[in-house]
Amino acid sequence: MTFVRTRLALDALLPGALLQVTLHGSEPLRNVRRSAESLGHKILSQHESGDGTAILLIRKAGP
């Protein structure tokens, strides 16, 4: 479900735009990262905190 929300947000952006996603837990992090990369989007950064929260910065793929 987490990637579905991320995908909808990415679909609403122009190519090259940035999306910051906050994730809670290791499974959503793995799933969103893997799925975004498989669709051609680029993960620019990943920051994890000690409380299990991670922030991904994703650049939407071009046309």
PDB file of N, CA and C in Angstrom:
ATOM      1  N   MET A   1       0.820  -1.195   0.000  1.00  0.00           N
ATOM      2  CA  MET A   1       0.000   0.000   0.000  1.00  0.00           C
ATOM      3  C   MET A   1       0.864   1.259   0.000  1.00  0.00           C
ATOM      4  N   THR A   2       2.007   1.198   0.671  1.00  0.00           N
ATOM      5  CA  THR A   2       2.878   2.363   0.738  1.00  0.00           C
ATOM      6  C   THR A   2       3.363   2.763  -0.642  1.00  0.00           C
ATOM      7  N   PHE A   3       3.744   1.773  -1.482  1.00  0.00           N
ATOM      8  CA  PHE A   3       4.218   2.149  -2.807  1.00  0.00           C
ATOM      9  C   PHE A   3       3.088   2.675  -3.677  1.00  0.00           C
ATOM     10  N   VAL A   4       1.880   2.223  -3.458  1.00  0.00           N
ATOM     11  CA  VAL A   4       0.746   2.736  -4.229  1.00  0.00           C
ATOM     12  C   VAL A   4       0.627   4.246  -3.996  1.00  0.00           C
ATOM     13  N   ARG A   5       0.728   4.671  -2.773  1.00  0.00           N
ATOM     14  CA  ARG A   5       0.668   6.113  -2.464  1.00  0.00           C
ATOM     15  C   ARG A   5       1.846   6.857  -3.082  1.00  0.00           C
ATOM     16  N   THR A   6       3.021   6.244  -3.014  1.00  0.00           N
ATOM     17  CA  THR A   6       4.211   6.851  -3.605  1.00  0.00           C
ATOM     18  C   THR A   6       4.054   6.948  -5.117  1.00  0.00           C
ATOM     19  N   ARG A   7       3.550   5.907  -5.731  1.00  0.00           N
ATOM     20  CA  ARG A   7       3.355   5.893  -7.187  1.00  0.00           C
ATOM     21  C   ARG A   7       2.362   6.969  -7.615  1.00  0.00           C
ATOM     22  N   LEU A   8       1.274   7.128  -6.883  1.00  0.00           N
ATOM     23  CA  LEU A   8       0.303   8.180  -7.204  1.00  0.00           C
ATOM     24  C   LEU A   8       0.936   9.568  -7.109  1.00  0.00           C
ATOM     25  N   ALA A   9       1.762   9.764  -6.092  1.00  0.00           N
ATOM     26  CA  ALA A   9       2.443  11.051  -5.947  1.00  0.00           C
ATOM     27  C   ALA A   9       3.425  11.273  -7.089  1.00  0.00           C
ATOM     28  N   LEU A  10       4.169  10.244  -7.471  1.00  0.00           N
ATOM     29  CA  LEU A  10       5.110  10.365  -8.593  1.00  0.00           C
ATOM     30  C   LEU A  10       4.377  10.633  -9.900  1.00  0.00           C
ATOM     31  N   ASP A  11       3.260   9.972 -10.109  1.00  0.00           N
ATOM     32  CA  ASP A  11       2.485  10.159 -11.343  1.00  0.00           C
ATOM     33  C   ASP A  11       2.001  11.602 -11.502  1.00  0.00           C
ATOM     34  N   ALA A  12       1.793  12.287 -10.391  1.00  0.00           N
ATOM     35  CA  ALA A  12       1.294  13.663 -10.437  1.00  0.00           C
ATOM     36  C   ALA A  12       2.402  14.680 -10.719  1.00  0.00           C
ATOM     37  N   LEU A  13       3.664  14.245 -10.688  1.00  0.00           N
ATOM     38  CA  LEU A  13       4.798  15.152 -10.873  1.00  0.00           C
ATOM     39  C   LEU A  13       5.259  15.191 -12.324  1.00  0.00           C
ATOM     40  N   LEU A  14       5.923  16.273 -12.672  1.00  0.00           N
ATOM     41  CA  LEU A  14       6.560  16.387 -13.980  1.00  0.00           C
ATOM     42  C   LEU A  14       7.864  15.589 -13.972  1.00  0.00           C
ATOM     43  N   PRO A  15       8.315  15.110 -15.127  1.00  0.00           N
ATOM     44  CA  PRO A  15       9.601  14.402 -15.194  1.00  0.00           C
ATOM     45  C   PRO A  15      10.728  15.269 -14.619  1.00  0.00           C
ATOM     46  N   GLY A  16      11.589  14.648 -13.835  1.00  0.00           N
ATOM     47  CA  GLY A  16      12.708  15.349 -13.215  1.00  0.00           C
ATOM     48  C   GLY A  16      12.387  15.957 -11.870  1.00  0.00           C
ATOM     49  N   ALA A  17      11.124  15.979 -11.488  1.00  0.00           N
ATOM     50  CA  ALA A  17      10.726  16.553 -10.196  1.00  0.00           C
ATOM     51  C   ALA A  17      11.168  15.643  -9.058  1.00  0.00           C
ATOM     52  N   LEU A  18      11.265  16.214  -7.872  1.00  0.00           N
ATOM     53  CA  LEU A  18      11.698  15.471  -6.692  1.00  0.00           C
ATOM     54  C   LEU A  18      10.514  15.162  -5.783  1.00  0.00           C
ATOM     55  N   LEU A  19      10.580  14.000  -5.161  1.00  0.00           N
ATOM     56  CA  LEU A  19       9.571  13.584  -4.184  1.00  0.00           C
ATOM     57  C   LEU A  19      10.287  13.074  -2.950  1.00  0.00           C
ATOM     58  N   GLN A  20       9.926  13.616  -1.809  1.00  0.00           N
ATOM     59  CA  GLN A  20      10.464  13.134  -0.535  1.00  0.00           C
ATOM     60  C   GLN A  20       9.411  12.256   0.126  1.00  0.00           C
ATOM     61  N   VAL A  21       9.806  11.037   0.495  1.00  0.00           N
ATOM     62  CA  VAL A  21       8.887  10.074   1.083  1.00  0.00           C
ATOM     63  C   VAL A  21       9.414   9.664   2.457  1.00  0.00           C
ATOM     64  N   THR A  22       8.557   9.738   3.467  1.00  0.00           N
ATOM     65  CA  THR A  22       8.906   9.281   4.808  1.00  0.00           C
ATOM     66  C   THR A  22       8.280   7.914   5.018  1.00  0.00           C
ATOM     67  N   LEU A  23       9.104   6.954   5.401  1.00  0.00           N
ATOM     68  CA  LEU A  23       8.659   5.565   5.556  1.00  0.00           C
ATOM     69  C   LEU A  23       8.939   5.093   6.974  1.00  0.00           C
ATOM     70  N   HIS A  24       8.089   4.202   7.441  1.00  0.00           N
ATOM     71  CA  HIS A  24       8.227   3.664   8.796  1.00  0.00           C
ATOM     72  C   HIS A  24       8.422   2.157   8.703  1.00  0.00           C
ATOM     73  N   GLY A  25       9.617   1.684   9.017  1.00  0.00           N
ATOM     74  CA  GLY A  25       9.905   0.259   8.989  1.00  0.00           C
ATOM     75  C   GLY A  25      10.768  -0.134   7.804  1.00  0.00           C
ATOM     76  N   SER A  26      11.433  -1.262   7.945  1.00  0.00           N
ATOM     77  CA  SER A  26      12.366  -1.707   6.912  1.00  0.00           C
ATOM     78  C   SER A  26      11.671  -2.288   5.685  1.00  0.00           C
ATOM     79  N   GLU A  27      10.536  -2.937   5.855  1.00  0.00           N
ATOM     80  CA  GLU A  27       9.848  -3.532   4.709  1.00  0.00           C
ATOM     81  C   GLU A  27       9.327  -2.468   3.734  1.00  0.00           C
ATOM     82  N   PRO A  28       8.627  -1.425   4.198  1.00  0.00           N
ATOM     83  CA  PRO A  28       8.212  -0.382   3.263  1.00  0.00           C
ATOM     84  C   PRO A  28       9.405   0.282   2.570  1.00  0.00           C
ATOM     85  N   LEU A  29      10.496   0.455   3.292  1.00  0.00           N
ATOM     86  CA  LEU A  29      11.690   1.047   2.696  1.00  0.00           C
ATOM     87  C   LEU A  29      12.203   0.191   1.546  1.00  0.00           C
ATOM     88  N   ARG A  30      12.338  -1.101   1.767  1.00  0.00           N
ATOM     89  CA  ARG A  30      12.812  -2.011   0.705  1.00  0.00           C
ATOM     90  C   ARG A  30      11.849  -2.007  -0.478  1.00  0.00           C
ATOM     91  N   ASN A  31      10.557  -2.100  -0.201  1.00  0.00           N
ATOM     92  CA  ASN A  31       9.562  -2.186  -1.269  1.00  0.00           C
ATOM     93  C   ASN A  31       9.492  -0.914  -2.108  1.00  0.00           C
ATOM     94  N   VAL A  32       9.449   0.234  -1.463  1.00  0.00           N
ATOM     95  CA  VAL A  32       9.346   1.495  -2.195  1.00  0.00           C
ATOM     96  C   VAL A  32      10.614   1.730  -2.997  1.00  0.00           C
ATOM     97  N   ARG A  33      11.755   1.504  -2.395  1.00  0.00           N
ATOM     98  CA  ARG A  33      13.023   1.713  -3.093  1.00  0.00           C
ATOM     99  C   ARG A  33      13.105   0.811  -4.327  1.00  0.00           C
ATOM    100  N   ARG A  34      12.863  -0.470  -4.148  1.00  0.00           N
ATOM    101  CA  ARG A  34      12.951  -1.438  -5.247  1.00  0.00           C
ATOM    102  C   ARG A  34      11.956  -1.114  -6.352  1.00  0.00           C
ATOM    103  N   SER A  35      10.723  -0.811  -5.983  1.00  0.00           N
ATOM    104  CA  SER A  35       9.684  -0.530  -6.971  1.00  0.00           C
ATOM    105  C   SER A  35       9.956   0.760  -7.742  1.00  0.00           C
ATOM    106  N   ALA A  36      10.393   1.796  -7.047  1.00  0.00           N
ATOM    107  CA  ALA A  36      10.690   3.067  -7.718  1.00  0.00           C
ATOM    108  C   ALA A  36      11.837   2.885  -8.710  1.00  0.00           C
ATOM    109  N   GLU A  37      12.873   2.195  -8.298  1.00  0.00           N
ATOM    110  CA  GLU A  37      14.016   1.967  -9.194  1.00  0.00           C
ATOM    111  C   GLU A  37      13.617   1.107 -10.387  1.00  0.00           C
ATOM    112  N   SER A  38      12.750   0.129 -10.177  1.00  0.00           N
ATOM    113  CA  SER A  38      12.344  -0.730 -11.286  1.00  0.00           C
ATOM    114  C   SER A  38      11.525   0.027 -12.330  1.00  0.00           C
ATOM    115  N   LEU A  39      10.900   1.130 -11.924  1.00  0.00           N
ATOM    116  CA  LEU A  39      10.140   1.966 -12.858  1.00  0.00           C
ATOM    117  C   LEU A  39      11.019   3.046 -13.501  1.00  0.00           C
ATOM    118  N   GLY A  40      12.307   3.059 -13.165  1.00  0.00           N
ATOM    119  CA  GLY A  40      13.230   4.005 -13.785  1.00  0.00           C
ATOM    120  C   GLY A  40      13.486   5.275 -13.002  1.00  0.00           C
ATOM    121  N   HIS A  41      12.865   5.417 -11.833  1.00  0.00           N
ATOM    122  CA  HIS A  41      13.098   6.592 -11.005  1.00  0.00           C
ATOM    123  C   HIS A  41      14.437   6.435 -10.292  1.00  0.00           C
ATOM    124  N   LYS A  42      15.044   7.563  -9.902  1.00  0.00           N
ATOM    125  CA  LYS A  42      16.350   7.528  -9.259  1.00  0.00           C
ATOM    126  C   LYS A  42      16.220   7.896  -7.787  1.00  0.00           C
ATOM    127  N   ILE A  43      16.802   7.076  -6.934  1.00  0.00           N
ATOM    128  CA  ILE A  43      16.867   7.378  -5.502  1.00  0.00           C
ATOM    129  C   ILE A  43      18.087   8.272  -5.307  1.00  0.00           C
ATOM    130  N   LEU A  44      17.866   9.512  -4.918  1.00  0.00           N
ATOM    131  CA  LEU A  44      18.963  10.450  -4.743  1.00  0.00           C
ATOM    132  C   LEU A  44      19.591  10.352  -3.361  1.00  0.00           C
ATOM    133  N   SER A  45      18.776  10.071  -2.357  1.00  0.00           N
ATOM    134  CA  SER A  45      19.314   9.929  -1.008  1.00  0.00           C
ATOM    135  C   SER A  45      18.373   9.085  -0.161  1.00  0.00           C
ATOM    136  N   GLN A  46      18.978   8.513   0.869  1.00  0.00           N
ATOM    137  CA  GLN A  46      18.227   7.716   1.838  1.00  0.00           C
ATOM    138  C   GLN A  46      18.818   8.009   3.203  1.00  0.00           C
ATOM    139  N   HIS A  47      17.979   8.525   4.105  1.00  0.00           N
ATOM    140  CA  HIS A  47      18.418   8.830   5.464  1.00  0.00           C
ATOM    141  C   HIS A  47      17.559   8.029   6.428  1.00  0.00           C
ATOM    142  N   GLU A  48      18.230   7.268   7.287  1.00  0.00           N
ATOM    143  CA  GLU A  48      17.519   6.460   8.274  1.00  0.00           C
ATOM    144  C   GLU A  48      17.818   6.990   9.666  1.00  0.00           C
ATOM    145  N   SER A  49      16.805   7.002  10.511  1.00  0.00           N
ATOM    146  CA  SER A  49      16.993   7.420  11.897  1.00  0.00           C
ATOM    147  C   SER A  49      16.883   6.209  12.808  1.00  0.00           C
ATOM    148  N   GLY A  50      17.241   6.391  14.030  1.00  0.00           N
ATOM    149  CA  GLY A  50      17.246   5.297  14.991  1.00  0.00           C
ATOM    150  C   GLY A  50      15.869   4.794  15.380  1.00  0.00           C
ATOM    151  N   ASP A  51      14.828   5.545  15.063  1.00  0.00           N
ATOM    152  CA  ASP A  51      13.479   5.141  15.457  1.00  0.00           C
ATOM    153  C   ASP A  51      12.773   4.299  14.385  1.00  0.00           C
ATOM    154  N   GLY A  52      13.490   3.885  13.344  1.00  0.00           N
ATOM    155  CA  GLY A  52      12.900   3.056  12.295  1.00  0.00           C
ATOM    156  C   GLY A  52      12.287   3.839  11.152  1.00  0.00           C
ATOM    157  N   THR A  53      12.458   5.152  11.179  1.00  0.00           N
ATOM    158  CA  THR A  53      11.943   6.012  10.119  1.00  0.00           C
ATOM    159  C   THR A  53      13.040   6.246   9.085  1.00  0.00           C
ATOM    160  N   ALA A  54      12.657   6.244   7.818  1.00  0.00           N
ATOM    161  CA  ALA A  54      13.600   6.531   6.744  1.00  0.00           C
ATOM    162  C   ALA A  54      12.985   7.560   5.813  1.00  0.00           C
ATOM    163  N   ILE A  55      13.838   8.401   5.244  1.00  0.00           N
ATOM    164  CA  ILE A  55      13.404   9.398   4.277  1.00  0.00           C
ATOM    165  C   ILE A  55      14.123   9.134   2.973  1.00  0.00           C
ATOM    166  N   LEU A  56      13.342   8.945   1.904  1.00  0.00           N
ATOM    167  CA  LEU A  56      13.888   8.758   0.560  1.00  0.00           C
ATOM    168  C   LEU A  56      13.636  10.023  -0.237  1.00  0.00           C
ATOM    169  N   LEU A  57      14.627  10.411  -1.021  1.00  0.00           N
ATOM    170  CA  LEU A  57      14.442  11.489  -1.987  1.00  0.00           C
ATOM    171  C   LEU A  57      14.522  10.859  -3.362  1.00  0.00           C
ATOM    172  N   ILE A  58      13.427  10.955  -4.110  1.00  0.00           N
ATOM    173  CA  ILE A  58      13.292  10.279  -5.396  1.00  0.00           C
ATOM    174  C   ILE A  58      13.155  11.325  -6.503  1.00  0.00           C
ATOM    175  N   ARG A  59      13.936  11.137  -7.590  1.00  0.00           N
ATOM    176  CA  ARG A  59      13.774  11.983  -8.784  1.00  0.00           C
ATOM    177  C   ARG A  59      12.949  11.191  -9.789  1.00  0.00           C
ATOM    178  N   LYS A  60      11.852  11.801 -10.244  1.00  0.00           N
ATOM    179  CA  LYS A  60      10.983  11.131 -11.205  1.00  0.00           C
ATOM    180  C   LYS A  60      11.706  10.982 -12.536  1.00  0.00           C
ATOM    181  N   ALA A  61      11.541   9.807 -13.139  1.00  0.00           N
ATOM    182  CA  ALA A  61      12.153   9.510 -14.422  1.00  0.00           C
ATOM    183  C   ALA A  61      11.610  10.438 -15.500  1.00  0.00           C
ATOM    184  N   GLY A  62      12.429  10.656 -16.527  1.00  0.00           N
ATOM    185  CA  GLY A  62      12.010  11.474 -17.669  1.00  0.00           C
ATOM    186  C   GLY A  62      11.050  10.717 -18.566  1.00  0.00           C
ATOM    187  N   PRO A  63      10.567  11.403 -19.604  1.00  0.00           N
ATOM    188  CA  PRO A  63       9.569  10.812 -20.503  1.00  0.00           C
ATOM    189  C   PRO A  63      10.064   9.610 -21.284  1.00  0.00           C
TER     190      PRO A  63
END
